Amino acid sequence: MERSSADLSDLSLDQLVELERRADERAEADEAAARESDTADDELLLPWWQRPFNIVVLVVTGALLAGIVGWAIGDSGDVPAHNEVDTGFLQDMRVHHEQAVLMSVIYRSRPDIDPGMNTVARSIIQGQNIEIGRMIQMLRTLGEAEANESGTSMLWMSMVAEDDQMPGMASEAELDELAASEGRVADIMFADLMIEHHFGGIEMAEFAVQNAEYDEVLLFAESMAHAQESEIREMLDVIAAGMDEVEVQEGQG
């Protein structure tokens, strides 16, 4: 409580000195409290990125993230171990499949063809188009060209051939003849050409199974060989059924 000037005039000199000393102490205490308050306010208002602890956390986190990203980039760039058989088989079999698809499309365009053989041809188009996609993807994974650009095929099997001379490949003349056929003649011609084509593909696949290095190629080649063996049996069954029907008709005639 503050004293009036009248009250102060009644105090002795010692009392006045004591009052002044206490006033000075209170003033010093108030200044110290103000300084502490200012310091606390400064700490509270300090931006988060300037706080020492946060800086350390950011540096450590950044180093960890950089290491993880570097590992991921390096790992994604790793090319699986493979050899020339892997590459050659995929590139040449892609061309081999493309002709099988073309042959099937030509056959299905012909009039009066057998429904059963038509189903086999449709299955070949669908299945081998899917396998062509798989081969392209595996070539990309291996860091190899998607197609054989050398102009020479079958080197991976120690053979030298043009694309149309690979095992089982039909000639241009044979494809033209198929395109001009119809009915029962088209059925038999397609079966003959495709069975020969499949036997050539199986030969190539079996060589890959024995000599390729990349596991995905080994599994793919093995699966492909089994699928083509199954399709050969289907075509033979269709032809046999057609022959039986012809014999029955001739007998009735």
C-alpha atoms as a PDB file:
ATOM      1  CA  MET A   1       0.000   0.000   0.000  1.00  0.00           C
ATOM      2  CA  GLU A   2       1.453   3.383  -0.990  1.00  0.00           C
ATOM      3  CA  ARG A   3       1.896   6.074   1.687  1.00  0.00           C
ATOM      4  CA  SER A   4       0.829   9.782   1.240  1.00  0.00           C
ATOM      5  CA  SER A   5       3.318  12.626   1.510  1.00  0.00           C
ATOM      6  CA  ALA A   6       1.881  13.467   4.971  1.00  0.00           C
ATOM      7  CA  ASP A   7       2.586   9.961   6.224  1.00  0.00           C
ATOM      8  CA  LEU A   8       6.148  10.044   4.885  1.00  0.00           C
ATOM      9  CA  SER A   9       6.869  13.323   6.731  1.00  0.00           C
ATOM     10  CA  ASP A  10       6.169  11.596  10.038  1.00  0.00           C
ATOM     11  CA  LEU A  11       8.809   8.844   9.423  1.00  0.00           C
ATOM     12  CA  SER A  12      12.354   8.985  10.722  1.00  0.00           C
ATOM     13  CA  LEU A  13      15.363   9.035   8.419  1.00  0.00           C
ATOM     14  CA  ASP A  14      16.136   5.355   9.115  1.00  0.00           C
ATOM     15  CA  GLN A  15      12.609   4.375   8.226  1.00  0.00           C
ATOM     16  CA  LEU A  16      12.782   6.305   4.958  1.00  0.00           C
ATOM     17  CA  VAL A  17      16.042   4.601   4.048  1.00  0.00           C
ATOM     18  CA  GLU A  18      14.519   1.179   4.794  1.00  0.00           C
ATOM     19  CA  LEU A  19      11.498   1.950   2.613  1.00  0.00           C
ATOM     20  CA  GLU A  20      13.735   3.000  -0.284  1.00  0.00           C
ATOM     21  CA  ARG A  21      15.809  -0.200   0.087  1.00  0.00           C
ATOM     22  CA  ARG A  22      12.694  -2.369  -0.051  1.00  0.00           C
ATOM     23  CA  ALA A  23      11.430  -0.434  -3.080  1.00  0.00           C
ATOM     24  CA  ASP A  24      14.746  -1.070  -4.851  1.00  0.00           C
ATOM     25  CA  GLU A  25      14.549  -4.800  -4.046  1.00  0.00           C
ATOM     26  CA  ARG A  26      11.031  -5.007  -5.455  1.00  0.00           C
ATOM     27  CA  ALA A  27      12.151  -3.192  -8.595  1.00  0.00           C
ATOM     28  CA  GLU A  28      15.061  -5.590  -9.113  1.00  0.00           C
ATOM     29  CA  ALA A  29      12.776  -8.601  -8.576  1.00  0.00           C
ATOM     30  CA  ASP A  30      10.282  -7.207 -11.091  1.00  0.00           C
ATOM     31  CA  GLU A  31      13.074  -6.697 -13.665  1.00  0.00           C
ATOM     32  CA  ALA A  32      14.354 -10.259 -13.165  1.00  0.00           C
ATOM     33  CA  ALA A  33      10.863 -11.673 -13.598  1.00  0.00           C
ATOM     34  CA  ALA A  34      10.393  -9.616 -16.749  1.00  0.00           C
ATOM     35  CA  ARG A  35      13.669 -10.907 -18.191  1.00  0.00           C
ATOM     36  CA  GLU A  36      12.651 -14.524 -17.500  1.00  0.00           C
ATOM     37  CA  SER A  37       9.272 -13.900 -19.089  1.00  0.00           C
ATOM     38  CA  ASP A  38      10.905 -12.435 -22.211  1.00  0.00           C
ATOM     39  CA  THR A  39      13.231 -15.450 -22.488  1.00  0.00           C
ATOM     40  CA  ALA A  40      10.334 -17.886 -22.202  1.00  0.00           C
ATOM     41  CA  ASP A  41       8.386 -15.952 -24.816  1.00  0.00           C
ATOM     42  CA  ASP A  42      11.378 -16.032 -27.163  1.00  0.00           C
ATOM     43  CA  GLU A  43      11.630 -19.812 -26.782  1.00  0.00           C
ATOM     44  CA  LEU A  44       7.927 -20.293 -27.434  1.00  0.00           C
ATOM     45  CA  LEU A  45       7.966 -18.102 -30.520  1.00  0.00           C
ATOM     46  CA  LEU A  46      11.133 -19.683 -32.014  1.00  0.00           C
ATOM     47  CA  PRO A  47      10.272 -21.257 -35.450  1.00  0.00           C
ATOM     48  CA  TRP A  48      10.240 -25.078 -35.354  1.00  0.00           C
ATOM     49  CA  TRP A  49      12.934 -25.381 -37.991  1.00  0.00           C
ATOM     50  CA  GLN A  50      15.334 -23.321 -35.861  1.00  0.00           C
ATOM     51  CA  ARG A  51      15.028 -25.443 -32.756  1.00  0.00           C
ATOM     52  CA  PRO A  52      18.182 -27.556 -32.218  1.00  0.00           C
ATOM     53  CA  PHE A  53      16.374 -30.813 -31.470  1.00  0.00           C
ATOM     54  CA  ASN A  54      14.178 -30.532 -34.574  1.00  0.00           C
ATOM     55  CA  ILE A  55      17.219 -29.791 -36.738  1.00  0.00           C
ATOM     56  CA  VAL A  56      18.921 -32.982 -35.550  1.00  0.00           C
ATOM     57  CA  VAL A  57      15.774 -35.015 -36.228  1.00  0.00           C
ATOM     58  CA  LEU A  58      15.491 -33.577 -39.748  1.00  0.00           C
ATOM     59  CA  VAL A  59      19.107 -34.334 -40.573  1.00  0.00           C
ATOM     60  CA  VAL A  60      18.880 -37.943 -39.371  1.00  0.00           C
ATOM     61  CA  THR A  61      15.525 -38.519 -41.125  1.00  0.00           C
ATOM     62  CA  GLY A  62      16.853 -37.033 -44.346  1.00  0.00           C
ATOM     63  CA  ALA A  63      19.882 -39.293 -44.279  1.00  0.00           C
ATOM     64  CA  LEU A  64      17.698 -42.367 -43.729  1.00  0.00           C
ATOM     65  CA  LEU A  65      15.325 -41.434 -46.551  1.00  0.00           C
ATOM     66  CA  ALA A  66      18.208 -40.793 -48.930  1.00  0.00           C
ATOM     67  CA  GLY A  67      19.621 -44.201 -48.126  1.00  0.00           C
ATOM     68  CA  ILE A  68      16.268 -45.917 -48.697  1.00  0.00           C
ATOM     69  CA  VAL A  69      15.680 -44.136 -52.026  1.00  0.00           C
ATOM     70  CA  GLY A  70      19.199 -44.915 -53.188  1.00  0.00           C
ATOM     71  CA  TRP A  71      18.752 -48.574 -52.336  1.00  0.00           C
ATOM     72  CA  ALA A  72      15.401 -48.724 -54.145  1.00  0.00           C
ATOM     73  CA  ILE A  73      16.798 -47.098 -57.282  1.00  0.00           C
ATOM     74  CA  GLY A  74      19.802 -49.348 -57.281  1.00  0.00           C
ATOM     75  CA  ASP A  75      17.711 -52.428 -56.665  1.00  0.00           C
ATOM     76  CA  SER A  76      15.179 -51.623 -59.420  1.00  0.00           C
ATOM     77  CA  GLY A  77      18.023 -51.199 -61.861  1.00  0.00           C
ATOM     78  CA  ASP A  78      19.416 -54.673 -61.227  1.00  0.00           C
ATOM     79  CA  VAL A  79      19.140 -56.889 -64.306  1.00  0.00           C
ATOM     80  CA  PRO A  80      18.503 -60.596 -63.615  1.00  0.00           C
ATOM     81  CA  ALA A  81      21.253 -62.985 -64.639  1.00  0.00           C
ATOM     82  CA  HIS A  82      20.560 -64.420 -68.081  1.00  0.00           C
ATOM     83  CA  ASN A  83      22.321 -65.719 -71.166  1.00  0.00           C
ATOM     84  CA  GLU A  84      21.976 -65.599 -74.953  1.00  0.00           C
ATOM     85  CA  VAL A  85      19.490 -68.477 -74.910  1.00  0.00           C
ATOM     86  CA  ASP A  86      17.085 -66.453 -72.747  1.00  0.00           C
ATOM     87  CA  THR A  87      17.311 -63.473 -75.074  1.00  0.00           C
ATOM     88  CA  GLY A  88      17.328 -65.395 -78.346  1.00  0.00           C
ATOM     89  CA  PHE A  89      14.440 -67.652 -77.370  1.00  0.00           C
ATOM     90  CA  LEU A  90      12.219 -64.726 -76.341  1.00  0.00           C
ATOM     91  CA  GLN A  91      13.012 -62.635 -79.409  1.00  0.00           C
ATOM     92  CA  ASP A  92      12.632 -65.465 -81.937  1.00  0.00           C
ATOM     93  CA  MET A  93       9.635 -67.070 -80.265  1.00  0.00           C
ATOM     94  CA  ARG A  94       7.873 -63.721 -80.406  1.00  0.00           C
ATOM     95  CA  VAL A  95       8.169 -63.812 -84.222  1.00  0.00           C
ATOM     96  CA  HIS A  96       7.168 -67.483 -84.220  1.00  0.00           C
ATOM     97  CA  HIS A  97       4.023 -66.680 -82.214  1.00  0.00           C
ATOM     98  CA  GLU A  98       3.128 -63.742 -84.435  1.00  0.00           C
ATOM     99  CA  GLN A  99       2.932 -66.073 -87.444  1.00  0.00           C
ATOM    100  CA  ALA A 100       0.761 -68.538 -85.517  1.00  0.00           C
ATOM    101  CA  VAL A 101      -1.644 -65.700 -84.719  1.00  0.00           C
ATOM    102  CA  LEU A 102      -1.643 -64.577 -88.371  1.00  0.00           C
ATOM    103  CA  MET A 103      -2.243 -68.132 -89.597  1.00  0.00           C
ATOM    104  CA  SER A 104      -5.191 -68.497 -87.200  1.00  0.00           C
ATOM    105  CA  VAL A 105      -6.707 -65.178 -88.289  1.00  0.00           C
ATOM    106  CA  ILE A 106      -6.442 -66.210 -91.941  1.00  0.00           C
ATOM    107  CA  TYR A 107      -8.073 -69.566 -91.260  1.00  0.00           C
ATOM    108  CA  ARG A 108     -10.964 -68.049 -89.290  1.00  0.00           C
ATOM    109  CA  SER A 109     -11.712 -65.728 -92.202  1.00  0.00           C
ATOM    110  CA  ARG A 110     -12.428 -68.693 -94.506  1.00  0.00           C
ATOM    111  CA  PRO A 111     -15.993 -69.873 -95.192  1.00  0.00           C
ATOM    112  CA  ASP A 112     -17.548 -73.153 -94.055  1.00  0.00           C
ATOM    113  CA  ILE A 113     -14.790 -74.097 -91.601  1.00  0.00           C
ATOM    114  CA  ASP A 114     -15.223 -76.673 -88.844  1.00  0.00           C
ATOM    115  CA  PRO A 115     -16.618 -75.171 -85.585  1.00  0.00           C
ATOM    116  CA  GLY A 116     -14.250 -77.258 -83.460  1.00  0.00           C
ATOM    117  CA  MET A 117     -11.171 -76.179 -85.429  1.00  0.00           C
ATOM    118  CA  ASN A 118     -12.419 -72.601 -85.337  1.00  0.00           C
ATOM    119  CA  THR A 119     -12.453 -72.814 -81.531  1.00  0.00           C
ATOM    120  CA  VAL A 120      -8.861 -74.091 -81.512  1.00  0.00           C
ATOM    121  CA  ALA A 121      -7.782 -71.229 -83.802  1.00  0.00           C
ATOM    122  CA  ARG A 122      -9.490 -68.678 -81.552  1.00  0.00           C
ATOM    123  CA  SER A 123      -7.727 -70.155 -78.517  1.00  0.00           C
ATOM    124  CA  ILE A 124      -4.365 -69.902 -80.299  1.00  0.00           C
ATOM    125  CA  ILE A 125      -4.968 -66.229 -81.120  1.00  0.00           C
ATOM    126  CA  GLN A 126      -5.845 -65.379 -77.526  1.00  0.00           C
ATOM    127  CA  GLY A 127      -3.192 -67.516 -75.842  1.00  0.00           C
ATOM    128  CA  GLN A 128      -0.288 -66.604 -78.065  1.00  0.00           C
ATOM    129  CA  ASN A 129      -1.086 -62.891 -78.002  1.00  0.00           C
ATOM    130  CA  ILE A 130      -0.897 -63.069 -74.210  1.00  0.00           C
ATOM    131  CA  GLU A 131       2.405 -64.950 -74.429  1.00  0.00           C
ATOM    132  CA  ILE A 132       3.785 -62.346 -76.853  1.00  0.00           C
ATOM    133  CA  GLY A 133       3.061 -59.711 -74.199  1.00  0.00           C
ATOM    134  CA  ARG A 134       4.839 -61.788 -71.567  1.00  0.00           C
ATOM    135  CA  MET A 135       7.894 -62.235 -73.794  1.00  0.00           C
ATOM    136  CA  ILE A 136       8.116 -58.492 -74.454  1.00  0.00           C
ATOM    137  CA  GLN A 137       7.907 -57.794 -70.718  1.00  0.00           C
ATOM    138  CA  MET A 138      10.621 -60.336 -69.906  1.00  0.00           C
ATOM    139  CA  LEU A 139      12.910 -58.823 -72.546  1.00  0.00           C
ATOM    140  CA  ARG A 140      12.404 -55.417 -70.938  1.00  0.00           C
ATOM    141  CA  THR A 141      13.178 -56.886 -67.529  1.00  0.00           C
ATOM    142  CA  LEU A 142      16.389 -58.371 -68.910  1.00  0.00           C
ATOM    143  CA  GLY A 143      17.342 -55.060 -70.524  1.00  0.00           C
ATOM    144  CA  GLU A 144      17.279 -56.599 -74.001  1.00  0.00           C
ATOM    145  CA  ALA A 145      15.754 -55.398 -77.274  1.00  0.00           C
ATOM    146  CA  GLU A 146      12.127 -56.385 -77.731  1.00  0.00           C
ATOM    147  CA  ALA A 147      12.877 -57.830 -81.175  1.00  0.00           C
ATOM    148  CA  ASN A 148      15.799 -59.497 -82.906  1.00  0.00           C
ATOM    149  CA  GLU A 149      17.296 -56.680 -84.952  1.00  0.00           C
ATOM    150  CA  SER A 150      20.205 -58.666 -86.396  1.00  0.00           C
ATOM    151  CA  GLY A 151      18.241 -60.157 -89.287  1.00  0.00           C
ATOM    152  CA  THR A 152      19.508 -63.634 -88.360  1.00  0.00           C
ATOM    153  CA  SER A 153      17.546 -66.007 -86.156  1.00  0.00           C
ATOM    154  CA  MET A 154      18.281 -69.147 -84.147  1.00  0.00           C
ATOM    155  CA  LEU A 155      21.912 -68.339 -83.280  1.00  0.00           C
ATOM    156  CA  TRP A 156      21.073 -69.227 -79.672  1.00  0.00           C
ATOM    157  CA  MET A 157      20.434 -72.806 -80.879  1.00  0.00           C
ATOM    158  CA  SER A 158      23.682 -72.832 -82.891  1.00  0.00           C
ATOM    159  CA  MET A 159      21.659 -72.472 -86.075  1.00  0.00           C
ATOM    160  CA  VAL A 160      21.578 -69.726 -88.696  1.00  0.00           C
ATOM    161  CA  ALA A 161      18.231 -68.960 -90.270  1.00  0.00           C
ATOM    162  CA  GLU A 162      16.061 -66.181 -91.580  1.00  0.00           C
ATOM    163  CA  ASP A 163      12.867 -65.504 -89.641  1.00  0.00           C
ATOM    164  CA  ASP A 164      10.717 -67.506 -92.077  1.00  0.00           C
ATOM    165  CA  GLN A 165      13.137 -70.438 -91.841  1.00  0.00           C
ATOM    166  CA  MET A 166      12.767 -71.022 -88.097  1.00  0.00           C
ATOM    167  CA  PRO A 167      11.511 -74.527 -87.173  1.00  0.00           C
ATOM    168  CA  GLY A 168       7.888 -75.012 -88.172  1.00  0.00           C
ATOM    169  CA  MET A 169       7.432 -71.646 -89.887  1.00  0.00           C
ATOM    170  CA  ALA A 170       5.055 -71.617 -92.877  1.00  0.00           C
ATOM    171  CA  SER A 171       6.163 -70.072 -96.152  1.00  0.00           C
ATOM    172  CA  GLU A 172       4.442 -67.129 -97.813  1.00  0.00           C
ATOM    173  CA  ALA A 173       3.147 -69.489-100.502  1.00  0.00           C
ATOM    174  CA  GLU A 174       1.566 -71.746 -97.875  1.00  0.00           C
ATOM    175  CA  LEU A 175      -0.131 -68.799 -96.192  1.00  0.00           C
ATOM    176  CA  ASP A 176      -1.463 -67.638 -99.542  1.00  0.00           C
ATOM    177  CA  GLU A 177      -2.820 -71.109-100.243  1.00  0.00           C
ATOM    178  CA  LEU A 178      -4.515 -71.185 -96.836  1.00  0.00           C
ATOM    179  CA  ALA A 179      -6.071 -67.794 -97.549  1.00  0.00           C
ATOM    180  CA  ALA A 180      -7.577 -69.160-100.783  1.00  0.00           C
ATOM    181  CA  SER A 181      -8.973 -72.349 -99.244  1.00  0.00           C
ATOM    182  CA  GLU A 182     -12.352 -73.012 -97.677  1.00  0.00           C
ATOM    183  CA  GLY A 183     -14.382 -75.642 -95.888  1.00  0.00           C
ATOM    184  CA  ARG A 184     -12.862 -79.048 -95.241  1.00  0.00           C
ATOM    185  CA  VAL A 185      -9.769 -78.202 -97.300  1.00  0.00           C
ATOM    186  CA  ALA A 186      -9.112 -75.160 -95.090  1.00  0.00           C
ATOM    187  CA  ASP A 187      -9.581 -77.274 -91.936  1.00  0.00           C
ATOM    188  CA  ILE A 188      -7.003 -79.842 -93.006  1.00  0.00           C
ATOM    189  CA  MET A 189      -4.540 -77.275 -94.359  1.00  0.00           C
ATOM    190  CA  PHE A 190      -4.720 -75.191 -91.184  1.00  0.00           C
ATOM    191  CA  ALA A 191      -4.228 -78.233 -88.991  1.00  0.00           C
ATOM    192  CA  ASP A 192      -1.271 -79.437 -91.046  1.00  0.00           C
ATOM    193  CA  LEU A 193       0.451 -76.035 -90.983  1.00  0.00           C
ATOM    194  CA  MET A 194      -0.271 -75.330 -87.313  1.00  0.00           C
ATOM    195  CA  ILE A 195       0.762 -78.778 -86.103  1.00  0.00           C
ATOM    196  CA  GLU A 196       4.068 -78.419 -87.936  1.00  0.00           C
ATOM    197  CA  HIS A 197       4.362 -74.904 -86.506  1.00  0.00           C
ATOM    198  CA  HIS A 198       3.746 -76.172 -82.972  1.00  0.00           C
ATOM    199  CA  PHE A 199       6.295 -78.961 -83.341  1.00  0.00           C
ATOM    200  CA  GLY A 200       8.869 -76.320 -84.274  1.00  0.00           C
ATOM    201  CA  GLY A 201       7.873 -74.186 -81.281  1.00  0.00           C
ATOM    202  CA  ILE A 202       8.128 -77.170 -78.954  1.00  0.00           C
ATOM    203  CA  GLU A 203      11.622 -77.906 -80.243  1.00  0.00           C
ATOM    204  CA  MET A 204      12.677 -74.338 -79.481  1.00  0.00           C
ATOM    205  CA  ALA A 205      11.001 -74.356 -76.055  1.00  0.00           C
ATOM    206  CA  GLU A 206      12.605 -77.621 -75.002  1.00  0.00           C
ATOM    207  CA  PHE A 207      16.028 -76.262 -75.922  1.00  0.00           C
ATOM    208  CA  ALA A 208      15.330 -73.186 -73.793  1.00  0.00           C
ATOM    209  CA  VAL A 209      14.269 -75.358 -70.854  1.00  0.00           C
ATOM    210  CA  GLN A 210      17.617 -77.156 -71.033  1.00  0.00           C
ATOM    211  CA  ASN A 211      19.874 -74.172 -71.672  1.00  0.00           C
ATOM    212  CA  ALA A 212      18.315 -70.911 -70.499  1.00  0.00           C
ATOM    213  CA  GLU A 213      19.487 -69.274 -67.266  1.00  0.00           C
ATOM    214  CA  TYR A 214      16.650 -66.968 -66.207  1.00  0.00           C
ATOM    215  CA  ASP A 215      14.080 -68.896 -64.151  1.00  0.00           C
ATOM    216  CA  GLU A 216      11.115 -67.031 -65.635  1.00  0.00           C
ATOM    217  CA  VAL A 217      12.169 -68.074 -69.132  1.00  0.00           C
ATOM    218  CA  LEU A 218      12.574 -71.702 -68.043  1.00  0.00           C
ATOM    219  CA  LEU A 219       9.083 -71.814 -66.551  1.00  0.00           C
ATOM    220  CA  PHE A 220       7.558 -69.984 -69.492  1.00  0.00           C
ATOM    221  CA  ALA A 221       9.169 -72.279 -72.085  1.00  0.00           C
ATOM    222  CA  GLU A 222       8.066 -75.397 -70.215  1.00  0.00           C
ATOM    223  CA  SER A 223       4.486 -74.148 -69.907  1.00  0.00           C
ATOM    224  CA  MET A 224       4.404 -73.146 -73.572  1.00  0.00           C
ATOM    225  CA  ALA A 225       5.565 -76.571 -74.727  1.00  0.00           C
ATOM    226  CA  HIS A 226       2.825 -78.294 -72.719  1.00  0.00           C
ATOM    227  CA  ALA A 227       0.161 -75.926 -74.087  1.00  0.00           C
ATOM    228  CA  GLN A 228       1.197 -76.533 -77.684  1.00  0.00           C
ATOM    229  CA  GLU A 229       1.260 -80.302 -77.191  1.00  0.00           C
ATOM    230  CA  SER A 230      -2.322 -80.049 -75.919  1.00  0.00           C
ATOM    231  CA  GLU A 231      -3.382 -77.983 -78.943  1.00  0.00           C
ATOM    232  CA  ILE A 232      -1.821 -80.523 -81.309  1.00  0.00           C
ATOM    233  CA  ARG A 233      -3.962 -83.246 -79.740  1.00  0.00           C
ATOM    234  CA  GLU A 234      -7.066 -81.063 -80.071  1.00  0.00           C
ATOM    235  CA  MET A 235      -6.452 -80.441 -83.780  1.00  0.00           C
ATOM    236  CA  LEU A 236      -5.838 -84.134 -84.451  1.00  0.00           C
ATOM    237  CA  ASP A 237      -9.085 -84.978 -82.652  1.00  0.00           C
ATOM    238  CA  VAL A 238     -11.020 -82.445 -84.735  1.00  0.00           C
ATOM    239  CA  ILE A 239      -9.580 -83.810 -87.974  1.00  0.00           C
ATOM    240  CA  ALA A 240     -10.325 -87.389 -86.910  1.00  0.00           C
ATOM    241  CA  ALA A 241     -13.896 -86.465 -86.002  1.00  0.00           C
ATOM    242  CA  GLY A 242     -14.324 -84.789 -89.369  1.00  0.00           C
ATOM    243  CA  MET A 243     -13.034 -87.845 -91.205  1.00  0.00           C
ATOM    244  CA  ASP A 244     -15.470 -90.064 -89.322  1.00  0.00           C
ATOM    245  CA  GLU A 245     -18.319 -87.760 -90.311  1.00  0.00           C
ATOM    246  CA  VAL A 246     -17.258 -87.864 -93.958  1.00  0.00           C
ATOM    247  CA  GLU A 247     -17.147 -91.673 -93.882  1.00  0.00           C
ATOM    248  CA  VAL A 248     -20.618 -91.812 -92.378  1.00  0.00           C
ATOM    249  CA  GLN A 249     -21.957 -89.490 -95.064  1.00  0.00           C
ATOM    250  CA  GLU A 250     -20.318 -91.513 -97.797  1.00  0.00           C
ATOM    251  CA  GLY A 251     -21.761 -94.707 -96.334  1.00  0.00           C
ATOM    252  CA  GLN A 252     -25.213 -93.214 -96.310  1.00  0.00           C
ATOM    253  CA  GLY A 253     -24.772 -92.117 -99.895  1.00  0.00           C
END
